[in-house]
Amino acid sequence: MKKIQHVTVLGTGVLGSQIAFQTAFSGFDVVAYDINEEALEKAHARFAGLVDTYVEDKVDGAADGKAKAALGRLRLTHDLADAVKEADLVIEAIPEILELKKSTYKKLGELAPKHTIFATNSSTLLPSDMKDSTNRPSQFLALHFANRIWKFNTAEVMGTSDTDPAVFDTVVEFSKEIGMVPIPIHKEKAGYVLNSLLVPFLNAAAALAAGGYAEPADVDKTWRIATGAPMGPFQIFDIIGLMTPYNILSHGDDDLKEIAKWLKTEYIDKGHLGVATGQGFYTYSK
């Protein structure tokens, strides 16, 4: 199995940009891809912000120039063929829309070198739902990160029945090399470990607020006081960004679709998408 040296990350949103930056911070050459120049301009700003964040959070070596040096190992492009031409590993972090992911993997299967491993960072979709679109199911698996990757450094690795064990082991080793704690998942489970716990928790909180039972701030206050947790569910929503939960809820049952409608009407349509936009359930200073 070829050692991973060149990594491409598809999608430069909140988590995609973190994956790309953490990988470059760990010494890898990284290409970050997104669909157009406007998206890449936002990515430039996110990467610059991550340099400051790594220093502020005292990530080992960040203040000694390691964070700034990571920028020199990051290249941005909106040309998919260019993005993957040398990739040993492609990590996909695009929106949680199955047909979009499948169409993207079909293109990747045609453009990427034969040895390239594909990994989806999908939060809730099963890799087996996408494997046939890749044209290389034995080299495809899920690699799921938690938000604030430099701090909450789990990497859940989950293959399908077709995933080559050597590919699985290679991705586990790569996870260690970028400072993650790999969590092997022994069989497919939508939501892995983290989101199997987190998504029902967030949905329950959203149902309380959408149903008019309690204000988001009071739901958070209750959770923090009663459990000693540092954050409540709506604070977590804001960190994740509201578009990902919206996309997940929109594909749920009728009750979840009603929550998605509330989220869109009350927050998303008003541009309140979370920390990244300065306002979500809470307001944040720039």
C-alpha atoms as a PDB file:
ATOM      1  CA  MET A   1       0.000   0.000   0.000  1.00  0.00           C
ATOM      2  CA  LYS A   2       1.418   3.384  -1.062  1.00  0.00           C
ATOM      3  CA  LYS A   3       2.197   5.727   1.838  1.00  0.00           C
ATOM      4  CA  ILE A   4      -0.047   8.768   1.965  1.00  0.00           C
ATOM      5  CA  GLN A   5       1.810  11.981   1.151  1.00  0.00           C
ATOM      6  CA  HIS A   6      -0.526  14.100  -0.950  1.00  0.00           C
ATOM      7  CA  VAL A   7      -3.994  14.765   0.410  1.00  0.00           C
ATOM      8  CA  THR A   8      -6.946  16.487  -1.253  1.00  0.00           C
ATOM      9  CA  VAL A   9      -9.915  17.775   0.739  1.00  0.00           C
ATOM     10  CA  LEU A  10     -13.155  18.389  -1.149  1.00  0.00           C
ATOM     11  CA  GLY A  11     -15.193  21.149   0.455  1.00  0.00           C
ATOM     12  CA  THR A  12     -13.839  24.095   2.420  1.00  0.00           C
ATOM     13  CA  GLY A  13     -16.734  24.701   4.770  1.00  0.00           C
ATOM     14  CA  VAL A  14     -16.395  24.719   8.531  1.00  0.00           C
ATOM     15  CA  LEU A  15     -15.149  21.149   8.899  1.00  0.00           C
ATOM     16  CA  GLY A  16     -13.546  20.710   5.489  1.00  0.00           C
ATOM     17  CA  SER A  17     -11.289  23.702   6.107  1.00  0.00           C
ATOM     18  CA  GLN A  18     -10.338  22.314   9.518  1.00  0.00           C
ATOM     19  CA  ILE A  19      -9.442  18.908   8.032  1.00  0.00           C
ATOM     20  CA  ALA A  20      -7.321  20.536   5.334  1.00  0.00           C
ATOM     21  CA  PHE A  21      -5.553  22.855   7.766  1.00  0.00           C
ATOM     22  CA  GLN A  22      -4.874  20.159  10.388  1.00  0.00           C
ATOM     23  CA  THR A  23      -3.456  17.884   7.691  1.00  0.00           C
ATOM     24  CA  ALA A  24      -1.150  20.647   6.411  1.00  0.00           C
ATOM     25  CA  PHE A  25      -0.247  21.556  10.003  1.00  0.00           C
ATOM     26  CA  SER A  26       0.881  17.939  10.413  1.00  0.00           C
ATOM     27  CA  GLY A  27       3.298  18.211   7.506  1.00  0.00           C
ATOM     28  CA  PHE A  28       1.327  16.913   4.531  1.00  0.00           C
ATOM     29  CA  ASP A  29       0.925  18.618   1.164  1.00  0.00           C
ATOM     30  CA  VAL A  30      -2.761  19.484   0.850  1.00  0.00           C
ATOM     31  CA  VAL A  31      -4.994  20.649  -1.972  1.00  0.00           C
ATOM     32  CA  ALA A  32      -8.296  22.192  -0.853  1.00  0.00           C
ATOM     33  CA  TYR A  33     -11.039  22.118  -3.482  1.00  0.00           C
ATOM     34  CA  ASP A  34     -14.301  24.018  -3.699  1.00  0.00           C
ATOM     35  CA  ILE A  35     -16.711  24.851  -6.479  1.00  0.00           C
ATOM     36  CA  ASN A  36     -15.816  28.459  -7.328  1.00  0.00           C
ATOM     37  CA  GLU A  37     -13.647  31.478  -6.544  1.00  0.00           C
ATOM     38  CA  GLU A  38     -16.168  32.888  -4.082  1.00  0.00           C
ATOM     39  CA  ALA A  39     -16.009  29.708  -1.993  1.00  0.00           C
ATOM     40  CA  LEU A  40     -12.213  29.739  -2.148  1.00  0.00           C
ATOM     41  CA  GLU A  41     -12.065  33.350  -0.957  1.00  0.00           C
ATOM     42  CA  LYS A  42     -14.049  32.302   2.104  1.00  0.00           C
ATOM     43  CA  ALA A  43     -11.642  29.381   2.529  1.00  0.00           C
ATOM     44  CA  HIS A  44      -8.652  31.744   2.531  1.00  0.00           C
ATOM     45  CA  ALA A  45     -10.286  33.658   5.377  1.00  0.00           C
ATOM     46  CA  ARG A  46     -11.029  30.448   7.297  1.00  0.00           C
ATOM     47  CA  PHE A  47      -7.442  29.243   6.969  1.00  0.00           C
ATOM     48  CA  ALA A  48      -6.082  32.586   8.161  1.00  0.00           C
ATOM     49  CA  GLY A  49      -8.478  32.437  11.097  1.00  0.00           C
ATOM     50  CA  LEU A  50      -7.304  28.934  11.961  1.00  0.00           C
ATOM     51  CA  VAL A  51      -3.720  30.165  12.239  1.00  0.00           C
ATOM     52  CA  ASP A  52      -4.858  32.567  14.960  1.00  0.00           C
ATOM     53  CA  THR A  53      -7.084  29.953  16.596  1.00  0.00           C
ATOM     54  CA  TYR A  54      -4.283  27.374  16.821  1.00  0.00           C
ATOM     55  CA  VAL A  55      -2.061  29.962  18.495  1.00  0.00           C
ATOM     56  CA  GLU A  56      -4.811  31.095  20.881  1.00  0.00           C
ATOM     57  CA  ASP A  57      -5.646  27.488  21.802  1.00  0.00           C
ATOM     58  CA  LYS A  58      -1.961  26.752  22.397  1.00  0.00           C
ATOM     59  CA  VAL A  59      -1.786  23.882  19.912  1.00  0.00           C
ATOM     60  CA  ASP A  60       1.706  22.429  20.218  1.00  0.00           C
ATOM     61  CA  GLY A  61       4.134  24.339  17.985  1.00  0.00           C
ATOM     62  CA  ALA A  62       1.528  26.758  16.611  1.00  0.00           C
ATOM     63  CA  ALA A  63       3.020  29.856  18.233  1.00  0.00           C
ATOM     64  CA  ASP A  64       6.502  28.904  16.998  1.00  0.00           C
ATOM     65  CA  GLY A  65       5.547  29.330  13.363  1.00  0.00           C
ATOM     66  CA  LYS A  66       4.089  25.896  12.677  1.00  0.00           C
ATOM     67  CA  ALA A  67       0.588  27.272  12.113  1.00  0.00           C
ATOM     68  CA  LYS A  68       1.783  29.891   9.607  1.00  0.00           C
ATOM     69  CA  ALA A  69       3.952  27.282   7.897  1.00  0.00           C
ATOM     70  CA  ALA A  70       0.846  25.155   7.320  1.00  0.00           C
ATOM     71  CA  LEU A  71      -0.482  27.820   4.953  1.00  0.00           C
ATOM     72  CA  GLY A  72       2.518  27.194   2.716  1.00  0.00           C
ATOM     73  CA  ARG A  73       1.511  23.554   2.327  1.00  0.00           C
ATOM     74  CA  LEU A  74      -2.076  24.417   1.328  1.00  0.00           C
ATOM     75  CA  ARG A  75      -3.073  24.978  -2.272  1.00  0.00           C
ATOM     76  CA  LEU A  76      -6.607  25.994  -3.263  1.00  0.00           C
ATOM     77  CA  THR A  77      -8.368  25.260  -6.548  1.00  0.00           C
ATOM     78  CA  HIS A  78     -11.841  24.998  -8.067  1.00  0.00           C
ATOM     79  CA  ASP A  79     -10.615  22.646 -10.819  1.00  0.00           C
ATOM     80  CA  LEU A  80     -11.469  19.101  -9.695  1.00  0.00           C
ATOM     81  CA  ALA A  81      -9.080  17.385 -12.110  1.00  0.00           C
ATOM     82  CA  ASP A  82      -6.242  19.601 -10.918  1.00  0.00           C
ATOM     83  CA  ALA A  83      -7.200  19.013  -7.275  1.00  0.00           C
ATOM     84  CA  VAL A  84      -6.883  15.228  -7.417  1.00  0.00           C
ATOM     85  CA  LYS A  85      -4.192  14.651 -10.029  1.00  0.00           C
ATOM     86  CA  GLU A  86      -1.527  13.704  -7.426  1.00  0.00           C
ATOM     87  CA  ALA A  87      -3.756  12.663  -4.540  1.00  0.00           C
ATOM     88  CA  ASP A  88      -2.960   9.606  -2.455  1.00  0.00           C
ATOM     89  CA  LEU A  89      -6.040  10.288  -0.340  1.00  0.00           C
ATOM     90  CA  VAL A  90      -9.163  12.323  -1.101  1.00  0.00           C
ATOM     91  CA  ILE A  91     -11.264  13.322   1.907  1.00  0.00           C
ATOM     92  CA  GLU A  92     -14.748  14.413   0.866  1.00  0.00           C
ATOM     93  CA  ALA A  93     -16.464  16.981   3.100  1.00  0.00           C
ATOM     94  CA  ILE A  94     -19.243  18.310   0.874  1.00  0.00           C
ATOM     95  CA  PRO A  95     -22.900  18.823   1.924  1.00  0.00           C
ATOM     96  CA  GLU A  96     -24.947  15.900   3.299  1.00  0.00           C
ATOM     97  CA  ILE A  97     -26.868  15.301   0.070  1.00  0.00           C
ATOM     98  CA  LEU A  98     -26.569  11.736  -1.200  1.00  0.00           C
ATOM     99  CA  GLU A  99     -27.045  12.440  -4.903  1.00  0.00           C
ATOM    100  CA  LEU A 100     -24.450  15.236  -4.773  1.00  0.00           C
ATOM    101  CA  LYS A 101     -21.949  12.922  -3.121  1.00  0.00           C
ATOM    102  CA  LYS A 102     -22.631  10.122  -5.599  1.00  0.00           C
ATOM    103  CA  SER A 103     -22.193  12.393  -8.610  1.00  0.00           C
ATOM    104  CA  THR A 104     -18.973  13.765  -7.109  1.00  0.00           C
ATOM    105  CA  TYR A 105     -17.563  10.266  -6.584  1.00  0.00           C
ATOM    106  CA  LYS A 106     -18.421   9.314 -10.151  1.00  0.00           C
ATOM    107  CA  LYS A 107     -16.273  12.216 -11.349  1.00  0.00           C
ATOM    108  CA  LEU A 108     -13.520  11.363  -8.873  1.00  0.00           C
ATOM    109  CA  GLY A 109     -13.414   7.769 -10.069  1.00  0.00           C
ATOM    110  CA  GLU A 110     -12.631   9.025 -13.560  1.00  0.00           C
ATOM    111  CA  LEU A 111     -10.152  11.761 -12.581  1.00  0.00           C
ATOM    112  CA  ALA A 112      -8.079  10.449  -9.668  1.00  0.00           C
ATOM    113  CA  PRO A 113      -5.052   8.155 -10.030  1.00  0.00           C
ATOM    114  CA  LYS A 114      -5.774   4.430  -9.733  1.00  0.00           C
ATOM    115  CA  HIS A 115      -4.077   4.165  -6.333  1.00  0.00           C
ATOM    116  CA  THR A 116      -6.021   7.023  -4.707  1.00  0.00           C
ATOM    117  CA  ILE A 117      -8.058   6.207  -1.613  1.00  0.00           C
ATOM    118  CA  PHE A 118     -11.436   7.939  -1.225  1.00  0.00           C
ATOM    119  CA  ALA A 119     -12.809   8.780   2.238  1.00  0.00           C
ATOM    120  CA  THR A 120     -16.134  10.399   3.045  1.00  0.00           C
ATOM    121  CA  ASN A 121     -16.554  12.608   6.088  1.00  0.00           C
ATOM    122  CA  SER A 122     -20.328  12.167   5.867  1.00  0.00           C
ATOM    123  CA  SER A 123     -21.978  12.639   9.254  1.00  0.00           C
ATOM    124  CA  THR A 124     -24.972  10.353   8.773  1.00  0.00           C
ATOM    125  CA  LEU A 125     -24.874   8.585   5.390  1.00  0.00           C
ATOM    126  CA  LEU A 126     -23.520   5.053   5.084  1.00  0.00           C
ATOM    127  CA  PRO A 127     -20.447   4.621   2.871  1.00  0.00           C
ATOM    128  CA  SER A 128     -22.184   1.634   1.225  1.00  0.00           C
ATOM    129  CA  ASP A 129     -24.771   4.107  -0.122  1.00  0.00           C
ATOM    130  CA  MET A 130     -21.985   5.685  -2.193  1.00  0.00           C
ATOM    131  CA  LYS A 131     -19.460   2.922  -2.822  1.00  0.00           C
ATOM    132  CA  ASP A 132     -20.743   1.885  -6.254  1.00  0.00           C
ATOM    133  CA  SER A 133     -20.347   5.452  -7.508  1.00  0.00           C
ATOM    134  CA  THR A 134     -16.623   5.456  -6.770  1.00  0.00           C
ATOM    135  CA  ASN A 135     -15.616   2.819  -9.341  1.00  0.00           C
ATOM    136  CA  ARG A 136     -13.181   1.560  -6.661  1.00  0.00           C
ATOM    137  CA  PRO A 137     -15.220   0.269  -3.683  1.00  0.00           C
ATOM    138  CA  SER A 138     -12.234  -1.580  -2.231  1.00  0.00           C
ATOM    139  CA  GLN A 139     -10.461   1.790  -1.835  1.00  0.00           C
ATOM    140  CA  PHE A 140     -13.400   3.618  -0.275  1.00  0.00           C
ATOM    141  CA  LEU A 141     -14.417   4.113   3.356  1.00  0.00           C
ATOM    142  CA  ALA A 142     -15.628   6.718   5.840  1.00  0.00           C
ATOM    143  CA  LEU A 143     -13.307   8.950   7.855  1.00  0.00           C
ATOM    144  CA  HIS A 144     -15.323  11.119  10.206  1.00  0.00           C
ATOM    145  CA  PHE A 145     -13.968  14.015  12.265  1.00  0.00           C
ATOM    146  CA  ALA A 146     -15.469  15.990  15.126  1.00  0.00           C
ATOM    147  CA  ASN A 147     -15.768  19.765  14.843  1.00  0.00           C
ATOM    148  CA  ARG A 148     -12.805  21.720  16.263  1.00  0.00           C
ATOM    149  CA  ILE A 149     -10.597  18.947  14.993  1.00  0.00           C
ATOM    150  CA  TRP A 150      -7.433  20.245  16.677  1.00  0.00           C
ATOM    151  CA  LYS A 151      -9.088  19.996  20.087  1.00  0.00           C
ATOM    152  CA  PHE A 152     -11.690  17.224  19.835  1.00  0.00           C
ATOM    153  CA  ASN A 153      -9.397  14.932  17.899  1.00  0.00           C
ATOM    154  CA  THR A 154     -11.302  11.756  17.159  1.00  0.00           C
ATOM    155  CA  ALA A 155     -11.221  10.161  13.713  1.00  0.00           C
ATOM    156  CA  GLU A 156     -13.862   7.487  13.225  1.00  0.00           C
ATOM    157  CA  VAL A 157     -12.845   5.002  10.521  1.00  0.00           C
ATOM    158  CA  MET A 158     -15.611   2.866   9.024  1.00  0.00           C
ATOM    159  CA  GLY A 159     -15.397   0.671   5.944  1.00  0.00           C
ATOM    160  CA  THR A 160     -17.922  -1.300   3.921  1.00  0.00           C
ATOM    161  CA  SER A 161     -17.959  -5.028   3.182  1.00  0.00           C
ATOM    162  CA  ASP A 162     -15.848  -4.207   0.100  1.00  0.00           C
ATOM    163  CA  THR A 163     -13.170  -2.086   1.797  1.00  0.00           C
ATOM    164  CA  ASP A 164      -9.701  -3.623   1.528  1.00  0.00           C
ATOM    165  CA  PRO A 165      -8.357  -4.211   5.089  1.00  0.00           C
ATOM    166  CA  ALA A 166      -5.019  -2.736   3.981  1.00  0.00           C
ATOM    167  CA  VAL A 167      -6.815   0.470   2.956  1.00  0.00           C
ATOM    168  CA  PHE A 168      -8.581   0.579   6.324  1.00  0.00           C
ATOM    169  CA  ASP A 169      -5.262   0.159   8.172  1.00  0.00           C
ATOM    170  CA  THR A 170      -3.595   2.823   6.006  1.00  0.00           C
ATOM    171  CA  VAL A 171      -6.292   5.362   6.880  1.00  0.00           C
ATOM    172  CA  VAL A 172      -6.075   4.470  10.590  1.00  0.00           C
ATOM    173  CA  GLU A 173      -2.332   5.127  10.445  1.00  0.00           C
ATOM    174  CA  PHE A 174      -2.853   8.396   8.541  1.00  0.00           C
ATOM    175  CA  SER A 175      -5.264   9.518  11.256  1.00  0.00           C
ATOM    176  CA  LYS A 176      -2.545   9.070  13.867  1.00  0.00           C
ATOM    177  CA  GLU A 177      -0.079  11.009  11.720  1.00  0.00           C
ATOM    178  CA  ILE A 178      -2.327  14.070  11.689  1.00  0.00           C
ATOM    179  CA  GLY A 179      -2.768  14.033  15.463  1.00  0.00           C
ATOM    180  CA  MET A 180      -6.069  12.181  15.682  1.00  0.00           C
ATOM    181  CA  VAL A 181      -7.166   9.329  17.929  1.00  0.00           C
ATOM    182  CA  PRO A 182      -8.523   6.740  15.457  1.00  0.00           C
ATOM    183  CA  ILE A 183     -11.774   5.018  16.436  1.00  0.00           C
ATOM    184  CA  PRO A 184     -12.226   1.861  14.326  1.00  0.00           C
ATOM    185  CA  ILE A 185     -15.908   1.082  13.650  1.00  0.00           C
ATOM    186  CA  HIS A 186     -16.302  -2.668  13.148  1.00  0.00           C
ATOM    187  CA  LYS A 187     -19.403  -2.561  10.967  1.00  0.00           C
ATOM    188  CA  GLU A 188     -21.442   0.142   9.267  1.00  0.00           C
ATOM    189  CA  LYS A 189     -23.552   2.353  11.483  1.00  0.00           C
ATOM    190  CA  ALA A 190     -25.190   5.561  10.312  1.00  0.00           C
ATOM    191  CA  GLY A 191     -23.833   8.264  12.598  1.00  0.00           C
ATOM    192  CA  TYR A 192     -20.823   6.204  13.694  1.00  0.00           C
ATOM    193  CA  VAL A 193     -20.285   6.489  17.463  1.00  0.00           C
ATOM    194  CA  LEU A 194     -20.257  10.265  17.871  1.00  0.00           C
ATOM    195  CA  ASN A 195     -23.337  11.203  15.871  1.00  0.00           C
ATOM    196  CA  SER A 196     -25.304   8.159  17.030  1.00  0.00           C
ATOM    197  CA  LEU A 197     -25.137   9.921  20.395  1.00  0.00           C
ATOM    198  CA  LEU A 198     -25.064  13.565  19.314  1.00  0.00           C
ATOM    199  CA  VAL A 199     -27.771  13.780  16.610  1.00  0.00           C
ATOM    200  CA  PRO A 200     -30.673  12.478  18.764  1.00  0.00           C
ATOM    201  CA  PHE A 201     -29.538  14.847  21.520  1.00  0.00           C
ATOM    202  CA  LEU A 202     -29.553  17.859  19.174  1.00  0.00           C
ATOM    203  CA  ASN A 203     -32.854  16.827  17.603  1.00  0.00           C
ATOM    204  CA  ALA A 204     -34.476  16.585  21.040  1.00  0.00           C
ATOM    205  CA  ALA A 205     -33.266  20.089  21.876  1.00  0.00           C
ATOM    206  CA  ALA A 206     -34.486  21.485  18.542  1.00  0.00           C
ATOM    207  CA  ALA A 207     -37.911  19.875  19.085  1.00  0.00           C
ATOM    208  CA  LEU A 208     -38.225  21.661  22.430  1.00  0.00           C
ATOM    209  CA  ALA A 209     -37.500  25.069  20.900  1.00  0.00           C
ATOM    210  CA  ALA A 210     -39.376  24.535  17.616  1.00  0.00           C
ATOM    211  CA  GLY A 211     -42.396  23.306  19.553  1.00  0.00           C
ATOM    212  CA  GLY A 212     -42.457  26.412  21.703  1.00  0.00           C
ATOM    213  CA  TYR A 213     -41.706  24.578  24.947  1.00  0.00           C
ATOM    214  CA  ALA A 214     -38.593  26.562  25.891  1.00  0.00           C
ATOM    215  CA  GLU A 215     -36.220  29.154  24.472  1.00  0.00           C
ATOM    216  CA  PRO A 216     -32.919  27.860  23.071  1.00  0.00           C
ATOM    217  CA  ALA A 217     -30.912  29.727  25.724  1.00  0.00           C
ATOM    218  CA  ASP A 218     -32.997  28.138  28.490  1.00  0.00           C
ATOM    219  CA  VAL A 219     -32.583  24.669  27.008  1.00  0.00           C
ATOM    220  CA  ASP A 220     -28.819  25.250  27.012  1.00  0.00           C
ATOM    221  CA  LYS A 221     -28.890  26.634  30.541  1.00  0.00           C
ATOM    222  CA  THR A 222     -30.787  23.583  31.800  1.00  0.00           C
ATOM    223  CA  TRP A 223     -28.323  21.182  30.199  1.00  0.00           C
ATOM    224  CA  ARG A 224     -25.243  23.004  31.479  1.00  0.00           C
ATOM    225  CA  ILE A 225     -26.491  23.377  35.052  1.00  0.00           C
ATOM    226  CA  ALA A 226     -27.976  19.892  35.384  1.00  0.00           C
ATOM    227  CA  THR A 227     -25.101  17.957  33.805  1.00  0.00           C
ATOM    228  CA  GLY A 228     -22.034  20.150  34.260  1.00  0.00           C
ATOM    229  CA  ALA A 229     -21.473  20.107  30.493  1.00  0.00           C
ATOM    230  CA  PRO A 230     -19.486  23.082  29.148  1.00  0.00           C
ATOM    231  CA  MET A 231     -21.944  23.729  26.292  1.00  0.00           C
ATOM    232  CA  GLY A 232     -25.631  23.298  25.611  1.00  0.00           C
ATOM    233  CA  PRO A 233     -27.079  21.828  22.395  1.00  0.00           C
ATOM    234  CA  PHE A 234     -27.790  25.166  20.712  1.00  0.00           C
ATOM    235  CA  GLN A 235     -24.230  26.313  21.351  1.00  0.00           C
ATOM    236  CA  ILE A 236     -23.150  23.095  19.633  1.00  0.00           C
ATOM    237  CA  PHE A 237     -25.536  23.799  16.741  1.00  0.00           C
ATOM    238  CA  ASP A 238     -23.871  27.194  16.238  1.00  0.00           C
ATOM    239  CA  ILE A 239     -20.392  25.673  16.193  1.00  0.00           C
ATOM    240  CA  ILE A 240     -21.393  23.006  13.670  1.00  0.00           C
ATOM    241  CA  GLY A 241     -23.217  25.560  11.528  1.00  0.00           C
ATOM    242  CA  LEU A 242     -26.944  25.302  10.894  1.00  0.00           C
ATOM    243  CA  MET A 243     -26.818  24.107   7.276  1.00  0.00           C
ATOM    244  CA  THR A 244     -25.553  20.607   8.100  1.00  0.00           C
ATOM    245  CA  PRO A 245     -28.285  19.909  10.691  1.00  0.00           C
ATOM    246  CA  TYR A 246     -30.847  21.393   8.293  1.00  0.00           C
ATOM    247  CA  ASN A 247     -29.789  19.045   5.483  1.00  0.00           C
ATOM    248  CA  ILE A 248     -29.980  16.051   7.827  1.00  0.00           C
ATOM    249  CA  LEU A 249     -33.362  17.028   9.276  1.00  0.00           C
ATOM    250  CA  SER A 250     -34.792  17.655   5.807  1.00  0.00           C
ATOM    251  CA  HIS A 251     -34.336  13.985   4.955  1.00  0.00           C
ATOM    252  CA  GLY A 252     -35.935  12.701   8.153  1.00  0.00           C
ATOM    253  CA  ASP A 253     -39.501  11.792   9.077  1.00  0.00           C
ATOM    254  CA  ASP A 254     -42.374  14.297   9.148  1.00  0.00           C
ATOM    255  CA  ASP A 255     -41.533  15.517  12.661  1.00  0.00           C
ATOM    256  CA  LEU A 256     -37.908  16.151  11.720  1.00  0.00           C
ATOM    257  CA  LYS A 257     -38.966  17.918   8.512  1.00  0.00           C
ATOM    258  CA  GLU A 258     -41.076  20.289  10.616  1.00  0.00           C
ATOM    259  CA  ILE A 259     -38.017  21.106  12.722  1.00  0.00           C
ATOM    260  CA  ALA A 260     -36.042  21.694   9.505  1.00  0.00           C
ATOM    261  CA  LYS A 261     -38.744  24.096   8.326  1.00  0.00           C
ATOM    262  CA  TRP A 262     -38.550  26.007  11.632  1.00  0.00           C
ATOM    263  CA  LEU A 263     -34.756  26.154  11.424  1.00  0.00           C
ATOM    264  CA  LYS A 264     -34.896  27.516   7.888  1.00  0.00           C
ATOM    265  CA  THR A 265     -37.619  30.089   8.523  1.00  0.00           C
ATOM    266  CA  GLU A 266     -36.390  31.408  11.855  1.00  0.00           C
ATOM    267  CA  TYR A 267     -32.635  31.304  11.291  1.00  0.00           C
ATOM    268  CA  ILE A 268     -31.211  30.183   7.931  1.00  0.00           C
ATOM    269  CA  ASP A 269     -33.384  32.476   5.770  1.00  0.00           C
ATOM    270  CA  LYS A 270     -32.220  35.379   7.931  1.00  0.00           C
ATOM    271  CA  GLY A 271     -28.548  34.511   7.366  1.00  0.00           C
ATOM    272  CA  HIS A 272     -28.129  33.267  10.927  1.00  0.00           C
ATOM    273  CA  LEU A 273     -26.005  30.193  10.243  1.00  0.00           C
ATOM    274  CA  GLY A 274     -23.932  30.005  13.422  1.00  0.00           C
ATOM    275  CA  VAL A 275     -20.495  31.070  14.590  1.00  0.00           C
ATOM    276  CA  ALA A 276     -19.124  31.301  11.036  1.00  0.00           C
ATOM    277  CA  THR A 277     -21.558  34.116  10.138  1.00  0.00           C
ATOM    278  CA  GLY A 278     -21.459  35.856  13.520  1.00  0.00           C
ATOM    279  CA  GLN A 279     -25.011  34.907  14.434  1.00  0.00           C
ATOM    280  CA  GLY A 280     -27.031  31.746  14.897  1.00  0.00           C
ATOM    281  CA  PHE A 281     -28.930  30.999  18.063  1.00  0.00           C
ATOM    282  CA  TYR A 282     -26.463  33.415  19.671  1.00  0.00           C
ATOM    283  CA  THR A 283     -24.589  36.497  18.475  1.00  0.00           C
ATOM    284  CA  TYR A 284     -20.795  36.390  18.177  1.00  0.00           C
ATOM    285  CA  SER A 285     -18.251  39.173  17.839  1.00  0.00           C
ATOM    286  CA  LYS A 286     -16.095  38.960  14.722  1.00  0.00           C
END
